[in-house]
């Protein structure tokens, strides 16, 4: 191993740090994480390893220290800092903002062209809906028809773009008669980008649910919820039951031979509305 990939090809700065270390270790057998930490001026001898393993985050100051050790050029340094901020972002909005900054680097876009298309699949609610719409017998390849068929309606341009994404990802294909049909191909992205895209997708679908309360007749929708107090140790069991219910519904209503007439969205949300009140007084007050 005498070199590593250009930094612009990475979407996880921790993977870049691990590859950097592996290269140095291959060139110099006695090279160590302790040595790297010392070169960067970190007081903890294993700080570099903790960061690379995802057990510690980088501050603005430590980012600059690592840039010097990594000997990054100016544009590489800016990219590295942006990548760190993207990977460490806590909210979907923050992550989305840094992802847009990464997209400004031409070398990054070139290395992740397919990933951008995969990102688009989840970034626009109507692309997922159109993939399902394709399975309806009355489906028409016409972008004008597709745009009018969705609720709310989209533009013809958006419909054209969605079909290009679906076709490029091989999620749809033309049959012998020239009509688009759905395929069984799975969308796969990096963990970071997948997490961001899916968060945006769920956010958009919750917006659609809010609109449905006002615009869709009651007999065509079902918007209900339940609020319950549970034992936190049983949370995984509860999530598993929701997962099983999703699979059961798909098996029953989306099975082969099912008559498909309309695309529906069913959202499942589970999130806390309180703190864990079983914590000790000190733990609870400290939150």
C-alpha atoms as a PDB file:
ATOM      1  CA  UNK A   1       0.000   0.000   0.000  1.00  0.00           C
ATOM      2  CA  UNK A   2       1.761   3.141  -1.217  1.00  0.00           C
ATOM      3  CA  UNK A   3      -1.156   5.567  -1.480  1.00  0.00           C
ATOM      4  CA  UNK A   4      -4.798   6.067  -0.547  1.00  0.00           C
ATOM      5  CA  UNK A   5      -7.751   7.354  -2.526  1.00  0.00           C
ATOM      6  CA  UNK A   6      -8.100  11.124  -3.057  1.00  0.00           C
ATOM      7  CA  UNK A   7      -9.896  12.641  -0.085  1.00  0.00           C
ATOM      8  CA  UNK A   8     -12.756  13.864  -2.311  1.00  0.00           C
ATOM      9  CA  UNK A   9     -13.837  10.251  -2.872  1.00  0.00           C
ATOM     10  CA  UNK A  10     -14.656   9.780   0.817  1.00  0.00           C
ATOM     11  CA  UNK A  11     -18.010  10.446   2.470  1.00  0.00           C
ATOM     12  CA  UNK A  12     -16.779   9.502   5.968  1.00  0.00           C
ATOM     13  CA  UNK A  13     -13.792  11.330   7.435  1.00  0.00           C
ATOM     14  CA  UNK A  14     -13.200   8.509   9.932  1.00  0.00           C
ATOM     15  CA  UNK A  15     -12.649   6.060   7.074  1.00  0.00           C
ATOM     16  CA  UNK A  16     -10.121   8.503   5.603  1.00  0.00           C
ATOM     17  CA  UNK A  17      -8.278   8.663   8.953  1.00  0.00           C
ATOM     18  CA  UNK A  18      -8.152   4.864   9.130  1.00  0.00           C
ATOM     19  CA  UNK A  19      -6.796   4.627   5.582  1.00  0.00           C
ATOM     20  CA  UNK A  20      -4.236   7.338   6.339  1.00  0.00           C
ATOM     21  CA  UNK A  21      -3.065   5.437   9.398  1.00  0.00           C
ATOM     22  CA  UNK A  22      -2.921   2.135   7.474  1.00  0.00           C
ATOM     23  CA  UNK A  23      -0.729   3.782   4.824  1.00  0.00           C
ATOM     24  CA  UNK A  24       1.678   5.216   7.400  1.00  0.00           C
ATOM     25  CA  UNK A  25       1.812   1.866   9.196  1.00  0.00           C
ATOM     26  CA  UNK A  26       2.588   0.054   5.933  1.00  0.00           C
ATOM     27  CA  UNK A  27       5.425   2.468   5.170  1.00  0.00           C
ATOM     28  CA  UNK A  28       6.833   2.486   8.707  1.00  0.00           C
ATOM     29  CA  UNK A  29       6.251  -0.586  10.864  1.00  0.00           C
ATOM     30  CA  UNK A  30       6.758   1.144  14.220  1.00  0.00           C
ATOM     31  CA  UNK A  31       4.238   3.892  13.357  1.00  0.00           C
ATOM     32  CA  UNK A  32       1.422   4.036  15.943  1.00  0.00           C
ATOM     33  CA  UNK A  33      -1.773   5.849  16.937  1.00  0.00           C
ATOM     34  CA  UNK A  34       0.163   7.230  19.876  1.00  0.00           C
ATOM     35  CA  UNK A  35       2.665   8.766  17.466  1.00  0.00           C
ATOM     36  CA  UNK A  36      -0.121  10.350  15.404  1.00  0.00           C
ATOM     37  CA  UNK A  37      -1.760  11.815  18.492  1.00  0.00           C
ATOM     38  CA  UNK A  38       1.556  13.269  19.601  1.00  0.00           C
ATOM     39  CA  UNK A  39       2.215  14.800  16.172  1.00  0.00           C
ATOM     40  CA  UNK A  40      -1.211  16.459  16.296  1.00  0.00           C
ATOM     41  CA  UNK A  41      -0.555  17.771  19.793  1.00  0.00           C
ATOM     42  CA  UNK A  42      -3.333  15.842  21.508  1.00  0.00           C
ATOM     43  CA  UNK A  43      -2.814  15.239  25.221  1.00  0.00           C
ATOM     44  CA  UNK A  44      -4.509  11.818  25.076  1.00  0.00           C
ATOM     45  CA  UNK A  45      -2.221   9.251  23.393  1.00  0.00           C
ATOM     46  CA  UNK A  46      -5.149   7.281  21.956  1.00  0.00           C
ATOM     47  CA  UNK A  47      -7.261  10.277  20.862  1.00  0.00           C
ATOM     48  CA  UNK A  48      -6.662   9.682  17.135  1.00  0.00           C
ATOM     49  CA  UNK A  49      -7.804   6.059  17.443  1.00  0.00           C
ATOM     50  CA  UNK A  50     -10.888   7.043  19.436  1.00  0.00           C
ATOM     51  CA  UNK A  51     -11.852   9.527  16.717  1.00  0.00           C
ATOM     52  CA  UNK A  52     -11.212   7.020  13.915  1.00  0.00           C
ATOM     53  CA  UNK A  53     -13.357   4.432  15.750  1.00  0.00           C
ATOM     54  CA  UNK A  54     -16.219   6.901  16.164  1.00  0.00           C
ATOM     55  CA  UNK A  55     -15.876   7.150  19.957  1.00  0.00           C
ATOM     56  CA  UNK A  56     -14.827  10.813  19.972  1.00  0.00           C
ATOM     57  CA  UNK A  57     -15.710  13.826  17.855  1.00  0.00           C
ATOM     58  CA  UNK A  58     -13.449  16.581  16.584  1.00  0.00           C
ATOM     59  CA  UNK A  59     -13.648  20.201  17.710  1.00  0.00           C
ATOM     60  CA  UNK A  60     -12.792  23.127  15.427  1.00  0.00           C
ATOM     61  CA  UNK A  61      -9.322  23.272  16.979  1.00  0.00           C
ATOM     62  CA  UNK A  62      -8.642  19.545  16.634  1.00  0.00           C
ATOM     63  CA  UNK A  63      -9.792  19.626  12.994  1.00  0.00           C
ATOM     64  CA  UNK A  64      -7.105  22.199  12.229  1.00  0.00           C
ATOM     65  CA  UNK A  65      -4.481  20.153  14.090  1.00  0.00           C
ATOM     66  CA  UNK A  66      -5.318  17.070  12.038  1.00  0.00           C
ATOM     67  CA  UNK A  67      -5.232  19.025   8.786  1.00  0.00           C
ATOM     68  CA  UNK A  68      -1.587  19.851   9.484  1.00  0.00           C
ATOM     69  CA  UNK A  69      -0.721  16.244  10.324  1.00  0.00           C
ATOM     70  CA  UNK A  70      -2.545  14.968   7.243  1.00  0.00           C
ATOM     71  CA  UNK A  71      -0.663  17.595   5.183  1.00  0.00           C
ATOM     72  CA  UNK A  72      -3.781  18.562   3.250  1.00  0.00           C
ATOM     73  CA  UNK A  73      -3.668  21.275   0.612  1.00  0.00           C
ATOM     74  CA  UNK A  74      -5.961  24.296   0.968  1.00  0.00           C
ATOM     75  CA  UNK A  75      -8.954  22.928  -0.976  1.00  0.00           C
ATOM     76  CA  UNK A  76      -8.503  19.464   0.549  1.00  0.00           C
ATOM     77  CA  UNK A  77      -8.452  21.056   4.005  1.00  0.00           C
ATOM     78  CA  UNK A  78     -11.726  22.894   3.354  1.00  0.00           C
ATOM     79  CA  UNK A  79     -13.283  19.666   2.106  1.00  0.00           C
ATOM     80  CA  UNK A  80     -12.029  17.694   5.128  1.00  0.00           C
ATOM     81  CA  UNK A  81     -13.466  20.248   7.561  1.00  0.00           C
ATOM     82  CA  UNK A  82     -16.819  20.223   5.735  1.00  0.00           C
ATOM     83  CA  UNK A  83     -16.851  16.415   5.735  1.00  0.00           C
ATOM     84  CA  UNK A  84     -16.201  16.331   9.486  1.00  0.00           C
ATOM     85  CA  UNK A  85     -19.056  18.774  10.108  1.00  0.00           C
ATOM     86  CA  UNK A  86     -21.330  16.684   7.853  1.00  0.00           C
ATOM     87  CA  UNK A  87     -20.495  13.425   9.638  1.00  0.00           C
ATOM     88  CA  UNK A  88     -20.847  14.978  13.094  1.00  0.00           C
ATOM     89  CA  UNK A  89     -24.052  16.951  12.398  1.00  0.00           C
ATOM     90  CA  UNK A  90     -26.790  16.178  14.916  1.00  0.00           C
ATOM     91  CA  UNK A  91     -29.902  17.273  13.020  1.00  0.00           C
ATOM     92  CA  UNK A  92     -31.158  16.426   9.537  1.00  0.00           C
ATOM     93  CA  UNK A  93     -31.299  20.133   8.670  1.00  0.00           C
ATOM     94  CA  UNK A  94     -27.687  20.656   9.701  1.00  0.00           C
ATOM     95  CA  UNK A  95     -26.557  17.513   7.885  1.00  0.00           C
ATOM     96  CA  UNK A  96     -28.421  18.589   4.748  1.00  0.00           C
ATOM     97  CA  UNK A  97     -26.711  21.999   4.816  1.00  0.00           C
ATOM     98  CA  UNK A  98     -23.228  20.467   4.980  1.00  0.00           C
ATOM     99  CA  UNK A  99     -24.120  17.897   2.316  1.00  0.00           C
ATOM    100  CA  UNK A 100     -24.955  20.767  -0.038  1.00  0.00           C
ATOM    101  CA  UNK A 101     -21.529  22.238   0.750  1.00  0.00           C
ATOM    102  CA  UNK A 102     -19.880  18.917  -0.138  1.00  0.00           C
ATOM    103  CA  UNK A 103     -21.748  18.963  -3.431  1.00  0.00           C
ATOM    104  CA  UNK A 104     -19.933  22.166  -4.403  1.00  0.00           C
ATOM    105  CA  UNK A 105     -16.696  20.193  -4.791  1.00  0.00           C
ATOM    106  CA  UNK A 106     -16.524  19.014  -8.391  1.00  0.00           C
ATOM    107  CA  UNK A 107     -14.279  16.054  -7.549  1.00  0.00           C
ATOM    108  CA  UNK A 108     -16.741  14.884  -4.891  1.00  0.00           C
ATOM    109  CA  UNK A 109     -19.687  15.095  -7.312  1.00  0.00           C
ATOM    110  CA  UNK A 110     -17.745  13.151  -9.948  1.00  0.00           C
ATOM    111  CA  UNK A 111     -16.869  10.384  -7.480  1.00  0.00           C
ATOM    112  CA  UNK A 112     -20.418  10.121  -6.112  1.00  0.00           C
ATOM    113  CA  UNK A 113     -22.590  10.597  -9.187  1.00  0.00           C
ATOM    114  CA  UNK A 114     -24.603   7.412  -8.651  1.00  0.00           C
ATOM    115  CA  UNK A 115     -24.905   8.176  -4.955  1.00  0.00           C
ATOM    116  CA  UNK A 116     -26.437  11.556  -5.825  1.00  0.00           C
ATOM    117  CA  UNK A 117     -29.109   9.764  -7.848  1.00  0.00           C
ATOM    118  CA  UNK A 118     -29.694   7.387  -4.938  1.00  0.00           C
ATOM    119  CA  UNK A 119     -29.994  10.407  -2.677  1.00  0.00           C
ATOM    120  CA  UNK A 120     -32.566  11.913  -5.049  1.00  0.00           C
ATOM    121  CA  UNK A 121     -34.696   8.779  -4.763  1.00  0.00           C
ATOM    122  CA  UNK A 122     -35.522   9.587  -1.148  1.00  0.00           C
ATOM    123  CA  UNK A 123     -35.120  13.359  -1.312  1.00  0.00           C
ATOM    124  CA  UNK A 124     -38.362  13.832  -3.275  1.00  0.00           C
ATOM    125  CA  UNK A 125     -41.487  12.099  -1.986  1.00  0.00           C
ATOM    126  CA  UNK A 126     -43.019  11.773  -5.438  1.00  0.00           C
ATOM    127  CA  UNK A 127     -40.182   9.597  -6.818  1.00  0.00           C
ATOM    128  CA  UNK A 128     -41.018   6.788  -4.388  1.00  0.00           C
ATOM    129  CA  UNK A 129     -44.729   7.283  -5.144  1.00  0.00           C
ATOM    130  CA  UNK A 130     -44.147   7.056  -8.908  1.00  0.00           C
ATOM    131  CA  UNK A 131     -42.227   3.809  -8.473  1.00  0.00           C
ATOM    132  CA  UNK A 132     -45.373   2.343  -6.894  1.00  0.00           C
ATOM    133  CA  UNK A 133     -47.644   4.018  -9.461  1.00  0.00           C
ATOM    134  CA  UNK A 134     -45.776   2.178 -12.228  1.00  0.00           C
ATOM    135  CA  UNK A 135     -47.270  -1.073 -10.906  1.00  0.00           C
ATOM    136  CA  UNK A 136     -50.837   0.037 -11.625  1.00  0.00           C
ATOM    137  CA  UNK A 137     -52.226  -1.513 -14.863  1.00  0.00           C
ATOM    138  CA  UNK A 138     -53.532   1.881 -16.037  1.00  0.00           C
ATOM    139  CA  UNK A 139     -50.104   3.523 -15.700  1.00  0.00           C
ATOM    140  CA  UNK A 140     -49.032   5.634 -18.666  1.00  0.00           C
ATOM    141  CA  UNK A 141     -45.439   6.548 -19.577  1.00  0.00           C
ATOM    142  CA  UNK A 142     -46.496  10.137 -20.252  1.00  0.00           C
ATOM    143  CA  UNK A 143     -44.946  12.660 -17.803  1.00  0.00           C
ATOM    144  CA  UNK A 144     -48.112  14.759 -18.142  1.00  0.00           C
ATOM    145  CA  UNK A 145     -50.261  11.808 -17.029  1.00  0.00           C
ATOM    146  CA  UNK A 146     -47.898  11.004 -14.126  1.00  0.00           C
ATOM    147  CA  UNK A 147     -47.875  14.630 -12.939  1.00  0.00           C
ATOM    148  CA  UNK A 148     -51.703  14.743 -12.835  1.00  0.00           C
ATOM    149  CA  UNK A 149     -52.038  11.306 -11.222  1.00  0.00           C
ATOM    150  CA  UNK A 150     -50.221  12.268  -8.025  1.00  0.00           C
ATOM    151  CA  UNK A 151     -51.787  13.980  -4.995  1.00  0.00           C
ATOM    152  CA  UNK A 152     -50.753  16.739  -4.716  1.00  0.00           C
ATOM    153  CA  UNK A 153     -50.015  17.087  -8.423  1.00  0.00           C
ATOM    154  CA  UNK A 154     -46.434  17.801  -9.480  1.00  0.00           C
ATOM    155  CA  UNK A 155     -45.012  19.488 -12.557  1.00  0.00           C
ATOM    156  CA  UNK A 156     -44.301  17.686 -15.812  1.00  0.00           C
ATOM    157  CA  UNK A 157     -40.626  18.575 -15.376  1.00  0.00           C
ATOM    158  CA  UNK A 158     -40.570  16.921 -11.942  1.00  0.00           C
ATOM    159  CA  UNK A 159     -42.232  13.813 -13.386  1.00  0.00           C
ATOM    160  CA  UNK A 160     -39.640  13.631 -16.172  1.00  0.00           C
ATOM    161  CA  UNK A 161     -36.801  13.989 -13.649  1.00  0.00           C
ATOM    162  CA  UNK A 162     -38.289  11.320 -11.399  1.00  0.00           C
ATOM    163  CA  UNK A 163     -38.544   8.832 -14.265  1.00  0.00           C
ATOM    164  CA  UNK A 164     -34.907   9.493 -15.201  1.00  0.00           C
ATOM    165  CA  UNK A 165     -33.794   8.781 -11.621  1.00  0.00           C
ATOM    166  CA  UNK A 166     -35.859   5.588 -11.407  1.00  0.00           C
ATOM    167  CA  UNK A 167     -34.571   4.354 -14.753  1.00  0.00           C
ATOM    168  CA  UNK A 168     -30.923   5.221 -14.031  1.00  0.00           C
ATOM    169  CA  UNK A 169     -31.139   3.344 -10.711  1.00  0.00           C
ATOM    170  CA  UNK A 170     -32.722   0.423 -12.593  1.00  0.00           C
ATOM    171  CA  UNK A 171     -35.774   0.576 -10.338  1.00  0.00           C
ATOM    172  CA  UNK A 172     -37.990   0.602 -13.433  1.00  0.00           C
ATOM    173  CA  UNK A 173     -37.439  -0.723 -16.943  1.00  0.00           C
ATOM    174  CA  UNK A 174     -39.336  -0.974 -20.207  1.00  0.00           C
ATOM    175  CA  UNK A 175     -40.919  -4.299 -21.126  1.00  0.00           C
ATOM    176  CA  UNK A 176     -41.213  -5.701 -24.655  1.00  0.00           C
ATOM    177  CA  UNK A 177     -44.201  -3.490 -25.419  1.00  0.00           C
ATOM    178  CA  UNK A 178     -42.322  -0.348 -24.320  1.00  0.00           C
ATOM    179  CA  UNK A 179     -44.242   0.156 -21.075  1.00  0.00           C
ATOM    180  CA  UNK A 180     -42.371   0.855 -17.858  1.00  0.00           C
ATOM    181  CA  UNK A 181     -42.539  -1.845 -15.198  1.00  0.00           C
ATOM    182  CA  UNK A 182     -41.091  -2.009 -11.672  1.00  0.00           C
ATOM    183  CA  UNK A 183     -38.003  -4.106 -10.854  1.00  0.00           C
ATOM    184  CA  UNK A 184     -36.889  -5.781  -7.615  1.00  0.00           C
ATOM    185  CA  UNK A 185     -33.649  -3.793  -7.389  1.00  0.00           C
ATOM    186  CA  UNK A 186     -32.824  -2.315  -3.959  1.00  0.00           C
ATOM    187  CA  UNK A 187     -31.597   1.253  -3.409  1.00  0.00           C
ATOM    188  CA  UNK A 188     -28.244   1.194  -1.585  1.00  0.00           C
ATOM    189  CA  UNK A 189     -26.316   4.233  -0.402  1.00  0.00           C
ATOM    190  CA  UNK A 190     -23.603   4.931   2.145  1.00  0.00           C
ATOM    191  CA  UNK A 191     -24.773   4.940   5.766  1.00  0.00           C
ATOM    192  CA  UNK A 192     -24.357   8.713   6.143  1.00  0.00           C
ATOM    193  CA  UNK A 193     -26.141   9.671   2.945  1.00  0.00           C
ATOM    194  CA  UNK A 194     -28.851   7.047   3.462  1.00  0.00           C
ATOM    195  CA  UNK A 195     -29.561   8.410   6.936  1.00  0.00           C
ATOM    196  CA  UNK A 196     -29.868  11.968   5.620  1.00  0.00           C
ATOM    197  CA  UNK A 197     -32.022  11.005   2.629  1.00  0.00           C
ATOM    198  CA  UNK A 198     -34.393   8.852   4.665  1.00  0.00           C
ATOM    199  CA  UNK A 199     -34.802  11.597   7.288  1.00  0.00           C
ATOM    200  CA  UNK A 200     -35.761  14.047   4.553  1.00  0.00           C
ATOM    201  CA  UNK A 201     -38.140  11.496   3.042  1.00  0.00           C
ATOM    202  CA  UNK A 202     -39.970  10.906   6.336  1.00  0.00           C
ATOM    203  CA  UNK A 203     -40.165  14.656   6.928  1.00  0.00           C
ATOM    204  CA  UNK A 204     -41.778  15.175   3.521  1.00  0.00           C
ATOM    205  CA  UNK A 205     -44.226  12.327   4.063  1.00  0.00           C
ATOM    206  CA  UNK A 206     -45.267  13.788   7.426  1.00  0.00           C
ATOM    207  CA  UNK A 207     -45.924  17.057   5.603  1.00  0.00           C
ATOM    208  CA  UNK A 208     -48.122  15.108   3.151  1.00  0.00           C
ATOM    209  CA  UNK A 209     -50.006  13.647   6.143  1.00  0.00           C
ATOM    210  CA  UNK A 210     -50.651  17.153   7.513  1.00  0.00           C
ATOM    211  CA  UNK A 211     -51.981  18.242   4.109  1.00  0.00           C
ATOM    212  CA  UNK A 212     -54.145  15.109   3.907  1.00  0.00           C
ATOM    213  CA  UNK A 213     -55.986  16.091   7.115  1.00  0.00           C
ATOM    214  CA  UNK A 214     -57.182  19.226   5.355  1.00  0.00           C
ATOM    215  CA  UNK A 215     -57.482  18.180   1.710  1.00  0.00           C
ATOM    216  CA  UNK A 216     -58.370  14.465   1.590  1.00  0.00           C
ATOM    217  CA  UNK A 217     -61.940  13.286   2.418  1.00  0.00           C
ATOM    218  CA  UNK A 218     -62.166  11.298   5.659  1.00  0.00           C
ATOM    219  CA  UNK A 219     -63.364   8.116   3.908  1.00  0.00           C
ATOM    220  CA  UNK A 220     -60.081   8.026   1.905  1.00  0.00           C
ATOM    221  CA  UNK A 221     -57.722   8.384   4.857  1.00  0.00           C
ATOM    222  CA  UNK A 222     -57.128   7.128   8.376  1.00  0.00           C
ATOM    223  CA  UNK A 223     -55.115   9.402  10.655  1.00  0.00           C
ATOM    224  CA  UNK A 224     -55.047   8.039  14.175  1.00  0.00           C
ATOM    225  CA  UNK A 225     -52.510   7.792  16.982  1.00  0.00           C
ATOM    226  CA  UNK A 226     -52.011   6.310  20.409  1.00  0.00           C
ATOM    227  CA  UNK A 227     -50.138   7.734  23.396  1.00  0.00           C
ATOM    228  CA  UNK A 228     -48.911   5.194  25.942  1.00  0.00           C
ATOM    229  CA  UNK A 229     -46.502   4.880  28.858  1.00  0.00           C
ATOM    230  CA  UNK A 230     -44.136   1.923  28.469  1.00  0.00           C
ATOM    231  CA  UNK A 231     -41.286   0.210  30.254  1.00  0.00           C
ATOM    232  CA  UNK A 232     -38.136   1.391  28.480  1.00  0.00           C
ATOM    233  CA  UNK A 233     -36.574  -2.076  28.553  1.00  0.00           C
ATOM    234  CA  UNK A 234     -39.455  -3.218  26.314  1.00  0.00           C
ATOM    235  CA  UNK A 235     -38.898  -0.512  23.691  1.00  0.00           C
ATOM    236  CA  UNK A 236     -37.085  -2.854  21.295  1.00  0.00           C
ATOM    237  CA  UNK A 237     -39.937  -5.324  21.581  1.00  0.00           C
ATOM    238  CA  UNK A 238     -42.406  -2.564  20.706  1.00  0.00           C
ATOM    239  CA  UNK A 239     -40.339  -1.529  17.678  1.00  0.00           C
ATOM    240  CA  UNK A 240     -40.168  -5.158  16.590  1.00  0.00           C
ATOM    241  CA  UNK A 241     -43.972  -5.434  16.728  1.00  0.00           C
ATOM    242  CA  UNK A 242     -44.265  -2.370  14.485  1.00  0.00           C
ATOM    243  CA  UNK A 243     -41.770  -3.922  12.060  1.00  0.00           C
ATOM    244  CA  UNK A 244     -43.748  -7.183  11.995  1.00  0.00           C
ATOM    245  CA  UNK A 245     -46.969  -5.268  11.369  1.00  0.00           C
ATOM    246  CA  UNK A 246     -45.396  -3.461   8.393  1.00  0.00           C
ATOM    247  CA  UNK A 247     -44.303  -6.771   6.881  1.00  0.00           C
ATOM    248  CA  UNK A 248     -47.712  -8.328   7.490  1.00  0.00           C
ATOM    249  CA  UNK A 249     -49.490  -5.436   5.776  1.00  0.00           C
ATOM    250  CA  UNK A 250     -47.140  -5.604   2.787  1.00  0.00           C
ATOM    251  CA  UNK A 251     -47.620  -9.351   2.475  1.00  0.00           C
ATOM    252  CA  UNK A 252     -51.400  -9.010   2.609  1.00  0.00           C
ATOM    253  CA  UNK A 253     -52.060  -5.908   0.494  1.00  0.00           C
ATOM    254  CA  UNK A 254     -49.053  -5.723  -1.821  1.00  0.00           C
ATOM    255  CA  UNK A 255     -48.819  -9.375  -2.793  1.00  0.00           C
ATOM    256  CA  UNK A 256     -48.458 -10.672  -6.345  1.00  0.00           C
ATOM    257  CA  UNK A 257     -51.780 -10.528  -8.188  1.00  0.00           C
ATOM    258  CA  UNK A 258     -53.180  -7.699  -6.056  1.00  0.00           C
ATOM    259  CA  UNK A 259     -55.341  -5.274  -8.021  1.00  0.00           C
ATOM    260  CA  UNK A 260     -53.498  -1.960  -7.865  1.00  0.00           C
ATOM    261  CA  UNK A 261     -55.608   1.163  -8.314  1.00  0.00           C
ATOM    262  CA  UNK A 262     -54.135   3.854  -6.079  1.00  0.00           C
ATOM    263  CA  UNK A 263     -50.884   4.594  -4.229  1.00  0.00           C
ATOM    264  CA  UNK A 264     -51.178   5.116  -0.468  1.00  0.00           C
ATOM    265  CA  UNK A 265     -48.631   6.176   2.134  1.00  0.00           C
ATOM    266  CA  UNK A 266     -48.755   4.651   5.629  1.00  0.00           C
ATOM    267  CA  UNK A 267     -46.527   6.328   8.213  1.00  0.00           C
ATOM    268  CA  UNK A 268     -45.394   4.763  11.480  1.00  0.00           C
ATOM    269  CA  UNK A 269     -43.862   7.069  14.069  1.00  0.00           C
ATOM    270  CA  UNK A 270     -42.648   6.202  17.526  1.00  0.00           C
ATOM    271  CA  UNK A 271     -40.920   8.844  19.633  1.00  0.00           C
ATOM    272  CA  UNK A 272     -40.744   9.867  23.329  1.00  0.00           C
ATOM    273  CA  UNK A 273     -42.926  12.624  24.746  1.00  0.00           C
ATOM    274  CA  UNK A 274     -41.218  12.618  28.147  1.00  0.00           C
ATOM    275  CA  UNK A 275     -37.923  11.956  29.844  1.00  0.00           C
ATOM    276  CA  UNK A 276     -37.235   8.631  31.557  1.00  0.00           C
ATOM    277  CA  UNK A 277     -38.787   9.432  34.945  1.00  0.00           C
ATOM    278  CA  UNK A 278     -37.280   6.297  36.504  1.00  0.00           C
ATOM    279  CA  UNK A 279     -33.842   7.936  36.524  1.00  0.00           C
ATOM    280  CA  UNK A 280     -32.355   8.916  39.847  1.00  0.00           C
ATOM    281  CA  UNK A 281     -33.082  12.473  40.999  1.00  0.00           C
ATOM    282  CA  UNK A 282     -29.505  13.542  40.186  1.00  0.00           C
ATOM    283  CA  UNK A 283     -29.593  11.982  36.681  1.00  0.00           C
ATOM    284  CA  UNK A 284     -33.026  13.475  35.942  1.00  0.00           C
ATOM    285  CA  UNK A 285     -32.101  16.968  37.092  1.00  0.00           C
ATOM    286  CA  UNK A 286     -28.857  16.811  35.121  1.00  0.00           C
ATOM    287  CA  UNK A 287     -30.545  16.159  31.783  1.00  0.00           C
END
